[in-house]
Amino acid sequence: MNLTFWAALPQVQKQLQQLQDDLLKTVDLPNQPVHISILKLLQSGGKFLRPGVFYLFSSLGSTLMRLGYSLVPVLKNCCT
């Protein structure tokens, strides 16, 4: 994973590193060629963009709540 891409967002970077560590520990396949391929895929650069964006925007809700904003009116207006 390219953690330097997320260097400006250390919390997201930390969450992505934890995710990668958990995935690497979880992968345990009896078929060694497939097992090795999946490990290489998880460790290759350019992955984890979608989870990174998820972590980034999931923190947005708590930030807005701390500032006293609510997403309910926004969601109510856009989805009706």
N, C-alpha and C. Protein backbone atom coordinates (compact mmCIF):
# COMPACT_ATOMS: atom_id res chain seq x y z
N MET A 1 0.85 -1.17 0.00
CA MET A 1 0.00 0.00 0.00
C MET A 1 0.89 1.23 0.00
N ASN A 2 0.47 2.24 -0.70
CA ASN A 2 1.21 3.49 -0.78
C ASN A 2 0.76 4.41 0.35
N LEU A 3 1.42 4.32 1.50
CA LEU A 3 1.02 5.13 2.64
C LEU A 3 1.43 6.58 2.49
N THR A 4 2.39 6.88 1.63
CA THR A 4 2.79 8.27 1.45
C THR A 4 1.66 9.09 0.84
N PHE A 5 0.79 8.46 0.08
CA PHE A 5 -0.37 9.15 -0.50
C PHE A 5 -1.25 9.71 0.61
N TRP A 6 -1.33 9.00 1.73
CA TRP A 6 -2.19 9.39 2.85
C TRP A 6 -1.44 10.12 3.95
N ALA A 7 -0.20 10.53 3.71
CA ALA A 7 0.64 11.15 4.74
C ALA A 7 0.01 12.42 5.31
N ALA A 8 -0.72 13.17 4.52
CA ALA A 8 -1.35 14.41 4.99
C ALA A 8 -2.53 14.12 5.91
N LEU A 9 -3.00 12.88 5.93
CA LEU A 9 -4.13 12.49 6.77
C LEU A 9 -3.69 11.32 7.65
N PRO A 10 -2.95 11.62 8.72
CA PRO A 10 -2.36 10.54 9.53
C PRO A 10 -3.38 9.58 10.14
N GLN A 11 -4.57 10.06 10.48
CA GLN A 11 -5.57 9.16 11.06
C GLN A 11 -6.04 8.13 10.03
N VAL A 12 -6.28 8.59 8.81
CA VAL A 12 -6.68 7.68 7.73
C VAL A 12 -5.54 6.72 7.43
N GLN A 13 -4.33 7.24 7.41
CA GLN A 13 -3.15 6.42 7.14
C GLN A 13 -3.05 5.30 8.19
N LYS A 14 -3.26 5.64 9.44
CA LYS A 14 -3.19 4.65 10.52
C LYS A 14 -4.29 3.60 10.37
N GLN A 15 -5.51 4.04 10.03
CA GLN A 15 -6.62 3.09 9.86
C GLN A 15 -6.35 2.15 8.68
N LEU A 16 -5.78 2.68 7.61
CA LEU A 16 -5.49 1.84 6.44
C LEU A 16 -4.39 0.83 6.75
N GLN A 17 -3.40 1.25 7.52
CA GLN A 17 -2.34 0.31 7.90
C GLN A 17 -2.92 -0.81 8.75
N GLN A 18 -3.82 -0.47 9.67
CA GLN A 18 -4.47 -1.49 10.50
C GLN A 18 -5.31 -2.44 9.64
N LEU A 19 -6.01 -1.88 8.67
CA LEU A 19 -6.82 -2.70 7.77
C LEU A 19 -5.93 -3.67 7.00
N GLN A 20 -4.83 -3.16 6.46
CA GLN A 20 -3.93 -4.03 5.70
C GLN A 20 -3.36 -5.12 6.61
N ASP A 21 -2.95 -4.76 7.82
CA ASP A 21 -2.42 -5.76 8.75
C ASP A 21 -3.45 -6.84 9.05
N ASP A 22 -4.69 -6.41 9.29
CA ASP A 22 -5.76 -7.38 9.57
C ASP A 22 -6.02 -8.29 8.38
N LEU A 23 -6.05 -7.73 7.19
CA LEU A 23 -6.28 -8.55 5.99
C LEU A 23 -5.15 -9.54 5.77
N LEU A 24 -3.92 -9.10 5.97
CA LEU A 24 -2.77 -10.00 5.79
C LEU A 24 -2.79 -11.14 6.80
N LYS A 25 -3.24 -10.85 8.04
CA LYS A 25 -3.33 -11.91 9.05
C LYS A 25 -4.48 -12.86 8.75
N THR A 26 -5.52 -12.38 8.10
CA THR A 26 -6.71 -13.18 7.84
C THR A 26 -6.52 -14.15 6.68
N VAL A 27 -5.72 -13.76 5.70
CA VAL A 27 -5.54 -14.59 4.52
C VAL A 27 -4.78 -15.87 4.90
N ASP A 28 -5.45 -16.97 4.76
CA ASP A 28 -4.84 -18.26 5.08
C ASP A 28 -5.49 -19.31 4.19
N LEU A 29 -4.90 -19.54 3.04
CA LEU A 29 -5.46 -20.47 2.07
C LEU A 29 -4.58 -21.69 1.91
N PRO A 30 -5.17 -22.86 1.76
CA PRO A 30 -4.37 -24.06 1.56
C PRO A 30 -3.69 -24.10 0.19
N ASN A 31 -4.27 -23.43 -0.77
CA ASN A 31 -3.69 -23.38 -2.12
C ASN A 31 -2.60 -22.31 -2.13
N GLN A 32 -1.34 -22.72 -2.06
CA GLN A 32 -0.24 -21.78 -1.91
C GLN A 32 -0.09 -20.78 -3.06
N PRO A 33 -0.23 -21.17 -4.32
CA PRO A 33 -0.13 -20.17 -5.38
C PRO A 33 -1.18 -19.06 -5.26
N VAL A 34 -2.40 -19.43 -4.91
CA VAL A 34 -3.46 -18.43 -4.72
C VAL A 34 -3.16 -17.59 -3.48
N HIS A 35 -2.73 -18.24 -2.43
CA HIS A 35 -2.39 -17.55 -1.18
C HIS A 35 -1.32 -16.48 -1.44
N ILE A 36 -0.27 -16.85 -2.13
CA ILE A 36 0.84 -15.92 -2.43
C ILE A 36 0.35 -14.79 -3.32
N SER A 37 -0.47 -15.10 -4.29
CA SER A 37 -1.01 -14.06 -5.19
C SER A 37 -1.84 -13.04 -4.43
N ILE A 38 -2.66 -13.50 -3.51
CA ILE A 38 -3.50 -12.59 -2.73
C ILE A 38 -2.63 -11.73 -1.81
N LEU A 39 -1.62 -12.31 -1.21
CA LEU A 39 -0.72 -11.53 -0.36
C LEU A 39 0.00 -10.45 -1.17
N LYS A 40 0.46 -10.81 -2.36
CA LYS A 40 1.12 -9.82 -3.23
C LYS A 40 0.15 -8.71 -3.62
N LEU A 41 -1.08 -9.07 -3.92
CA LEU A 41 -2.09 -8.09 -4.29
C LEU A 41 -2.35 -7.11 -3.14
N LEU A 42 -2.46 -7.64 -1.92
CA LEU A 42 -2.71 -6.79 -0.76
C LEU A 42 -1.54 -5.86 -0.46
N GLN A 43 -0.34 -6.27 -0.82
CA GLN A 43 0.85 -5.48 -0.52
C GLN A 43 1.30 -4.59 -1.67
N SER A 44 0.64 -4.71 -2.80
CA SER A 44 1.05 -3.89 -3.95
C SER A 44 0.56 -2.46 -3.80
N GLY A 45 1.22 -1.56 -4.45
CA GLY A 45 0.84 -0.14 -4.38
C GLY A 45 -0.44 0.13 -5.14
N GLY A 46 -1.08 1.22 -4.79
CA GLY A 46 -2.27 1.64 -5.51
C GLY A 46 -3.56 1.05 -5.01
N LYS A 47 -3.48 0.26 -3.96
CA LYS A 47 -4.69 -0.33 -3.40
C LYS A 47 -5.17 0.53 -2.24
N PHE A 48 -6.36 0.25 -1.77
CA PHE A 48 -6.92 0.87 -0.57
C PHE A 48 -7.41 2.30 -0.79
N LEU A 49 -7.60 2.70 -2.04
CA LEU A 49 -8.14 4.03 -2.28
C LEU A 49 -9.58 4.12 -1.78
N ARG A 50 -10.39 3.13 -2.11
CA ARG A 50 -11.81 3.14 -1.68
C ARG A 50 -11.92 3.11 -0.15
N PRO A 51 -11.20 2.21 0.56
CA PRO A 51 -11.29 2.26 2.02
C PRO A 51 -10.78 3.59 2.59
N GLY A 52 -9.77 4.16 1.97
CA GLY A 52 -9.25 5.44 2.44
C GLY A 52 -10.28 6.55 2.33
N VAL A 53 -10.98 6.58 1.22
CA VAL A 53 -12.04 7.58 1.03
C VAL A 53 -13.17 7.31 2.03
N PHE A 54 -13.48 6.05 2.26
CA PHE A 54 -14.50 5.71 3.26
C PHE A 54 -14.12 6.23 4.63
N TYR A 55 -12.88 5.95 5.06
CA TYR A 55 -12.43 6.43 6.38
C TYR A 55 -12.44 7.95 6.44
N LEU A 56 -12.03 8.59 5.35
CA LEU A 56 -12.00 10.05 5.30
C LEU A 56 -13.39 10.63 5.51
N PHE A 57 -14.37 10.15 4.76
CA PHE A 57 -15.71 10.70 4.85
C PHE A 57 -16.48 10.20 6.08
N SER A 58 -16.10 9.06 6.62
CA SER A 58 -16.79 8.60 7.83
C SER A 58 -16.45 9.50 9.01
N SER A 59 -15.30 10.14 8.99
CA SER A 59 -14.95 11.07 10.06
C SER A 59 -15.63 12.42 9.89
N LEU A 60 -16.14 12.69 8.71
CA LEU A 60 -16.80 13.97 8.45
C LEU A 60 -18.04 14.15 9.32
N GLY A 61 -18.83 13.10 9.50
CA GLY A 61 -20.04 13.20 10.31
C GLY A 61 -19.75 13.60 11.74
N SER A 62 -18.74 13.00 12.36
CA SER A 62 -18.41 13.34 13.74
C SER A 62 -17.84 14.75 13.83
N THR A 63 -17.11 15.19 12.82
CA THR A 63 -16.57 16.55 12.80
C THR A 63 -17.70 17.56 12.73
N LEU A 64 -18.67 17.32 11.85
CA LEU A 64 -19.80 18.23 11.74
C LEU A 64 -20.62 18.28 13.02
N MET A 65 -20.78 17.14 13.66
CA MET A 65 -21.55 17.10 14.91
C MET A 65 -20.84 17.90 16.00
N ARG A 66 -19.50 17.79 16.05
CA ARG A 66 -18.75 18.57 17.04
C ARG A 66 -18.90 20.07 16.79
N LEU A 67 -19.03 20.45 15.52
CA LEU A 67 -19.20 21.86 15.17
C LEU A 67 -20.64 22.32 15.29
N GLY A 68 -21.54 21.41 15.61
CA GLY A 68 -22.94 21.77 15.81
C GLY A 68 -23.79 21.68 14.56
N TYR A 69 -23.29 21.04 13.53
CA TYR A 69 -24.05 20.86 12.30
C TYR A 69 -24.71 19.49 12.29
N SER A 70 -25.76 19.38 11.55
CA SER A 70 -26.43 18.10 11.39
C SER A 70 -26.61 17.81 9.91
N LEU A 71 -26.41 16.56 9.52
CA LEU A 71 -26.61 16.17 8.12
C LEU A 71 -28.06 15.84 7.82
N VAL A 72 -28.89 15.74 8.84
CA VAL A 72 -30.28 15.34 8.64
C VAL A 72 -31.01 16.28 7.68
N PRO A 73 -30.96 17.61 7.86
CA PRO A 73 -31.67 18.47 6.90
C PRO A 73 -31.15 18.34 5.48
N VAL A 74 -29.87 18.16 5.35
CA VAL A 74 -29.28 18.01 4.01
C VAL A 74 -29.80 16.74 3.36
N LEU A 75 -29.74 15.64 4.09
CA LEU A 75 -30.21 14.37 3.55
C LEU A 75 -31.71 14.39 3.30
N LYS A 76 -32.44 15.05 4.18
CA LYS A 76 -33.90 15.12 4.03
C LYS A 76 -34.27 15.87 2.76
N ASN A 77 -33.57 16.96 2.47
CA ASN A 77 -33.86 17.77 1.28
C ASN A 77 -33.43 17.09 -0.01
N CYS A 78 -32.33 16.36 0.04
CA CYS A 78 -31.83 15.78 -1.21
C CYS A 78 -32.53 14.47 -1.56
N CYS A 79 -33.14 13.83 -0.60
CA CYS A 79 -33.68 12.49 -0.83
C CYS A 79 -35.22 12.44 -0.85
N THR A 80 -35.86 13.59 -0.86
CA THR A 80 -37.34 13.58 -0.89
C THR A 80 -37.85 14.03 -2.23
